[in-house]
Amino acid sequence: MNPGNIKLKTLEMTFEGEEEFRGDANQIRGFFASKFNEYDLLHNHNTDRFYYRYPLVQYKVLDRTPLVVGVNEGAEILKGLFDKFDTVTLPHEDFEITERSLRLKKQDFGLTKSIYFYEFLTPWMALNKENEEKFLETKNPEEQKEMLRRTLAGNLLSMSKTFGYTVPDTIKCDVDVELRRSKYKNMDFTSFTGGFIANFLIPDFMGIGKGVAKGFGTVRKIRGYNCQKSSDFLKSTVWNANTLSRN
């Protein structure tokens, strides 16, 4: 573990059936929220209130395979529910589970001295509507990229706050992404595919940005790159909690 990092407990739950899974991440979330409504971490609601926090349970579909990720308290809840259902109820059909798996890990999270490459397995919803307008109005590609670097660093700081982790130094990052459109809450949003580099450790399959609970922004570390050489490509822009709070 790098000095100054913390350990996160993560759980990866997958399930398969004889038929191909035809649902989406939001439908999996709806199933868990309905069947196990007493656990507010599964849906981020509590009676008439909605919690704005980094989701500790995240629902994804990767290569047509359902994946539910739990972090810390979320991992403990999912571990207890692992064998409590045999069918996933979807809007138009029931998905019968024939095989399931569970992986529990303790993984490093936080700032490092090395640079790591990450790929987005699902689109990154980086911008809210206000920032999206500014981004699209900006015609200078470097200014757009700078906005995304700043947003990425903000995402990492927001995650850190949820886990009680104080980032001890500056976050250095750069992005290599392409613009696309995604549907979120029945609205079209600008999203991004591609990847990024950062001096920050993030466990595989955790999400960053908006819509994380519904599968957006899922990241995975790209193995095999020379992290020392990668620093040559890192932009000089760095962000920390103080600079972000002043803007």
Protein backbone atom coordinates (compact mmCIF):
# COMPACT_ATOMS: atom_id res chain seq x y z
CA MET A 1 0.00 0.00 0.00
CA ASN A 2 1.25 3.48 -0.83
CA PRO A 3 1.83 5.83 2.12
CA GLY A 4 -1.28 7.87 2.83
CA ASN A 5 -3.68 5.47 1.10
CA ILE A 6 -6.62 3.70 2.67
CA LYS A 7 -8.08 0.25 2.14
CA LEU A 8 -11.61 -0.13 0.79
CA LYS A 9 -13.60 -3.32 1.17
CA THR A 10 -15.18 -4.11 -2.19
CA LEU A 11 -17.57 -6.81 -3.33
CA GLU A 12 -18.32 -7.83 -6.91
CA MET A 13 -21.50 -9.87 -7.41
CA THR A 14 -22.33 -11.34 -10.81
CA PHE A 15 -25.10 -13.67 -11.90
CA GLU A 16 -25.84 -15.51 -15.12
CA GLY A 17 -28.70 -17.53 -16.58
CA GLU A 18 -29.37 -19.88 -19.45
CA GLU A 19 -30.74 -16.95 -21.45
CA GLU A 20 -28.84 -13.76 -22.29
CA PHE A 21 -29.54 -10.92 -19.86
CA ARG A 22 -31.59 -8.28 -21.69
CA GLY A 23 -32.07 -5.76 -18.91
CA ASP A 24 -30.06 -2.67 -18.03
CA ALA A 25 -28.34 -1.37 -14.91
CA ASN A 26 -31.27 0.80 -13.88
CA GLN A 27 -33.62 -2.19 -14.01
CA ILE A 28 -31.30 -4.21 -11.77
CA ARG A 29 -31.26 -1.30 -9.35
CA GLY A 30 -35.06 -1.19 -9.43
CA PHE A 31 -35.26 -4.89 -8.62
CA PHE A 32 -32.96 -4.60 -5.59
CA ALA A 33 -34.69 -1.43 -4.39
CA SER A 34 -38.09 -3.12 -4.55
CA LYS A 35 -37.16 -6.50 -3.09
CA PHE A 36 -34.85 -5.22 -0.35
CA ASN A 37 -36.32 -1.78 0.27
CA GLU A 38 -35.30 -1.76 3.93
CA TYR A 39 -31.65 -1.17 2.91
CA ASP A 40 -31.44 2.47 1.88
CA LEU A 41 -27.88 2.03 0.56
CA LEU A 42 -29.35 -0.08 -2.25
CA HIS A 43 -31.35 2.83 -3.63
CA ASN A 44 -30.20 6.04 -1.83
CA HIS A 45 -33.72 6.82 -0.65
CA ASN A 46 -35.14 6.96 2.86
CA THR A 47 -38.93 7.53 3.00
CA ASP A 48 -39.41 10.91 1.29
CA ARG A 49 -35.76 11.95 1.29
CA PHE A 50 -33.03 11.39 -1.28
CA TYR A 51 -29.40 11.12 -0.22
CA TYR A 52 -26.82 12.93 -2.34
CA ARG A 53 -23.74 10.87 -1.61
CA TYR A 54 -21.30 8.69 -3.48
CA PRO A 55 -23.20 5.42 -3.97
CA LEU A 56 -21.83 2.50 -1.98
CA VAL A 57 -23.84 0.07 -4.12
CA GLN A 58 -23.54 0.37 -7.90
CA TYR A 59 -25.34 -1.57 -10.63
CA LYS A 60 -23.80 -2.31 -14.01
CA VAL A 61 -24.18 -4.52 -17.08
CA LEU A 62 -20.84 -5.32 -18.73
CA ASP A 63 -20.75 -7.55 -21.80
CA ARG A 64 -24.38 -8.49 -21.09
CA THR A 65 -23.44 -9.75 -17.62
CA PRO A 66 -25.05 -8.11 -14.57
CA LEU A 67 -22.55 -6.80 -12.04
CA VAL A 68 -23.39 -5.31 -8.64
CA VAL A 69 -20.53 -3.60 -6.80
CA GLY A 70 -20.57 -2.82 -3.09
CA VAL A 71 -18.06 -0.70 -1.18
CA ASN A 72 -17.52 -0.85 2.60
CA GLU A 73 -21.03 -0.88 4.16
CA GLY A 74 -22.47 -1.62 0.74
CA ALA A 75 -20.27 -4.71 0.46
CA GLU A 76 -21.53 -6.01 3.80
CA ILE A 77 -25.17 -5.59 2.77
CA LEU A 78 -24.67 -7.35 -0.57
CA LYS A 79 -22.82 -10.22 1.10
CA GLY A 80 -25.88 -10.89 3.25
CA LEU A 81 -28.21 -10.82 0.23
CA PHE A 82 -26.10 -13.02 -2.04
CA ASP A 83 -28.33 -16.12 -1.80
CA LYS A 84 -31.62 -14.38 -1.00
CA PHE A 85 -32.97 -14.34 -4.57
CA ASP A 86 -33.07 -16.76 -7.50
CA THR A 87 -34.81 -14.52 -10.03
CA VAL A 88 -34.29 -10.92 -11.13
CA THR A 89 -37.65 -9.38 -11.95
CA LEU A 90 -37.45 -7.15 -15.03
CA PRO A 91 -40.24 -5.02 -16.55
CA HIS A 92 -41.07 -7.53 -19.30
CA GLU A 93 -39.64 -10.82 -18.07
CA ASP A 94 -38.04 -12.66 -15.17
CA PHE A 95 -34.37 -13.54 -15.42
CA GLU A 96 -33.73 -16.96 -13.85
CA ILE A 97 -30.31 -17.23 -12.23
CA THR A 98 -28.41 -20.46 -12.85
CA GLU A 99 -24.95 -19.35 -11.72
CA ARG A 100 -23.66 -16.61 -9.46
CA SER A 101 -20.32 -15.47 -8.11
CA LEU A 102 -19.07 -13.19 -5.36
CA ARG A 103 -15.62 -11.68 -4.93
CA LEU A 104 -14.62 -9.88 -1.74
CA LYS A 105 -11.45 -7.79 -1.78
CA LYS A 106 -9.55 -5.17 0.19
CA GLN A 107 -8.14 -2.64 -2.25
CA ASP A 108 -5.99 0.48 -2.11
CA PHE A 109 -7.61 3.85 -2.68
CA GLY A 110 -6.00 7.27 -2.80
CA LEU A 111 -3.11 9.40 -3.98
CA THR A 112 0.08 7.70 -5.17
CA LYS A 113 3.54 8.59 -6.43
CA SER A 114 2.91 6.58 -9.62
CA ILE A 115 0.69 7.41 -12.57
CA TYR A 116 -2.04 4.92 -13.51
CA PHE A 117 -3.99 4.49 -16.74
CA TYR A 118 -7.74 3.86 -16.57
CA GLU A 119 -10.36 3.08 -19.20
CA PHE A 120 -14.06 3.86 -19.02
CA LEU A 121 -16.06 0.66 -19.41
CA THR A 122 -19.27 2.70 -19.48
CA PRO A 123 -19.77 6.36 -20.50
CA TRP A 124 -18.51 9.01 -18.07
CA MET A 125 -21.20 11.56 -17.21
CA ALA A 126 -18.79 14.33 -16.30
CA LEU A 127 -20.96 17.45 -16.62
CA ASN A 128 -24.16 18.79 -15.15
CA LYS A 129 -26.46 20.77 -17.44
CA GLU A 130 -24.88 24.14 -16.58
CA ASN A 131 -21.32 22.91 -17.16
CA GLU A 132 -22.43 21.05 -20.26
CA GLU A 133 -23.56 24.32 -21.85
CA LYS A 134 -20.23 25.96 -21.02
CA PHE A 135 -18.35 22.98 -22.41
CA LEU A 136 -20.25 22.95 -25.70
CA GLU A 137 -19.97 26.73 -26.10
CA THR A 138 -16.20 26.54 -25.66
CA LYS A 139 -14.68 26.04 -29.09
CA ASN A 140 -11.09 25.72 -27.89
CA PRO A 141 -10.27 21.99 -27.51
CA GLU A 142 -7.61 22.66 -24.88
CA GLU A 143 -10.07 24.66 -22.76
CA GLN A 144 -12.56 21.82 -23.03
CA LYS A 145 -9.92 19.34 -21.96
CA GLU A 146 -8.95 21.56 -19.04
CA MET A 147 -12.57 21.60 -17.90
CA LEU A 148 -12.64 17.80 -17.99
CA ARG A 149 -9.38 17.52 -16.04
CA ARG A 150 -10.83 19.77 -13.38
CA THR A 151 -14.03 17.73 -13.30
CA LEU A 152 -12.13 14.46 -13.01
CA ALA A 153 -10.11 15.75 -10.06
CA GLY A 154 -13.35 16.95 -8.46
CA ASN A 155 -14.86 13.49 -8.89
CA LEU A 156 -11.92 11.94 -7.07
CA LEU A 157 -12.12 14.48 -4.25
CA SER A 158 -15.85 13.83 -3.88
CA MET A 159 -15.28 10.08 -3.64
CA SER A 160 -12.54 10.65 -1.08
CA LYS A 161 -14.84 12.70 1.11
CA THR A 162 -17.38 9.87 1.23
CA PHE A 163 -14.71 7.48 2.49
CA GLY A 164 -13.34 9.93 5.05
CA TYR A 165 -10.08 10.17 3.13
CA THR A 166 -8.20 13.49 3.03
CA VAL A 167 -6.16 13.80 -0.16
CA PRO A 168 -2.69 14.69 1.17
CA ASP A 169 -1.29 16.40 -1.94
CA THR A 170 -2.21 17.56 -5.44
CA ILE A 171 -4.12 15.37 -7.87
CA LYS A 172 -2.46 15.22 -11.30
CA CYS A 173 -4.55 13.95 -14.17
CA ASP A 174 -5.21 14.08 -17.89
CA VAL A 175 -8.01 12.73 -20.08
CA ASP A 176 -8.19 11.13 -23.52
CA VAL A 177 -11.89 10.90 -24.32
CA GLU A 178 -14.44 11.20 -27.10
CA LEU A 179 -17.81 12.90 -26.81
CA ARG A 180 -21.06 10.99 -27.12
CA ARG A 181 -24.69 11.30 -25.96
CA SER A 182 -26.28 9.28 -23.16
CA LYS A 183 -29.78 9.07 -21.74
CA TYR A 184 -30.03 9.79 -18.00
CA LYS A 185 -33.26 10.45 -16.08
CA ASN A 186 -35.09 10.68 -19.42
CA MET A 187 -32.79 13.49 -20.57
CA ASP A 188 -29.95 13.56 -23.10
CA PHE A 189 -26.56 14.35 -21.58
CA THR A 190 -23.10 14.78 -23.00
CA SER A 191 -20.96 11.86 -21.89
CA PHE A 192 -17.47 10.61 -22.69
CA THR A 193 -15.78 7.35 -23.61
CA GLY A 194 -12.06 6.65 -23.57
CA GLY A 195 -9.83 6.90 -20.54
CA PHE A 196 -7.60 8.97 -18.29
CA ILE A 197 -4.40 8.92 -16.28
CA ALA A 198 -4.03 10.03 -12.67
CA ASN A 199 -1.73 9.72 -9.69
CA PHE A 200 -4.60 8.06 -7.88
CA LEU A 201 -5.58 4.45 -7.14
CA ILE A 202 -9.20 3.51 -7.85
CA PRO A 203 -10.48 -0.07 -7.45
CA ASP A 204 -11.67 -1.69 -10.67
CA PHE A 205 -15.38 -1.39 -11.51
CA MET A 206 -16.06 1.57 -9.25
CA GLY A 207 -17.72 4.51 -10.98
CA ILE A 208 -16.96 8.23 -11.11
CA GLY A 209 -19.10 11.20 -12.14
CA LYS A 210 -22.88 11.38 -12.40
CA GLY A 211 -25.16 8.35 -12.53
CA VAL A 212 -22.68 6.04 -10.81
CA ALA A 213 -25.39 3.97 -9.10
CA LYS A 214 -26.94 3.27 -12.51
CA GLY A 215 -23.72 2.10 -14.08
CA PHE A 216 -22.20 5.25 -15.61
CA GLY A 217 -18.51 6.09 -15.33
CA THR A 218 -17.28 2.57 -14.55
CA VAL A 219 -13.47 2.46 -14.60
CA ARG A 220 -10.84 -0.26 -14.89
CA LYS A 221 -7.09 0.05 -14.56
CA ILE A 222 -5.16 -0.70 -17.75
CA ARG A 223 -2.36 -3.09 -16.88
CA GLY A 224 1.01 -3.27 -18.58
CA TYR A 225 1.80 0.42 -19.10
CA ASN A 226 5.08 1.90 -17.93
CA CYS A 227 3.81 4.23 -15.23
CA GLN A 228 7.14 6.02 -14.93
CA LYS A 229 7.15 6.98 -18.62
CA SER A 230 3.49 7.91 -18.50
CA SER A 231 4.36 10.96 -16.42
CA ASP A 232 5.93 12.46 -19.57
CA PHE A 233 2.43 12.74 -21.03
CA LEU A 234 0.84 14.18 -17.89
CA LYS A 235 -0.28 17.79 -18.21
CA SER A 236 1.13 20.28 -15.76
CA THR A 237 -2.31 21.23 -14.47
CA VAL A 238 -2.94 19.95 -10.95
CA TRP A 239 -5.94 20.33 -8.70
CA ASN A 240 -6.44 19.97 -4.99
CA ALA A 241 -9.21 20.72 -2.54
CA ASN A 242 -8.13 24.34 -2.02
CA THR A 243 -7.94 25.31 -5.70
CA LEU A 244 -11.26 23.65 -6.47
CA SER A 245 -13.05 25.37 -3.60
CA ARG A 246 -11.88 28.79 -4.74
CA ASN A 247 -13.48 28.46 -8.18
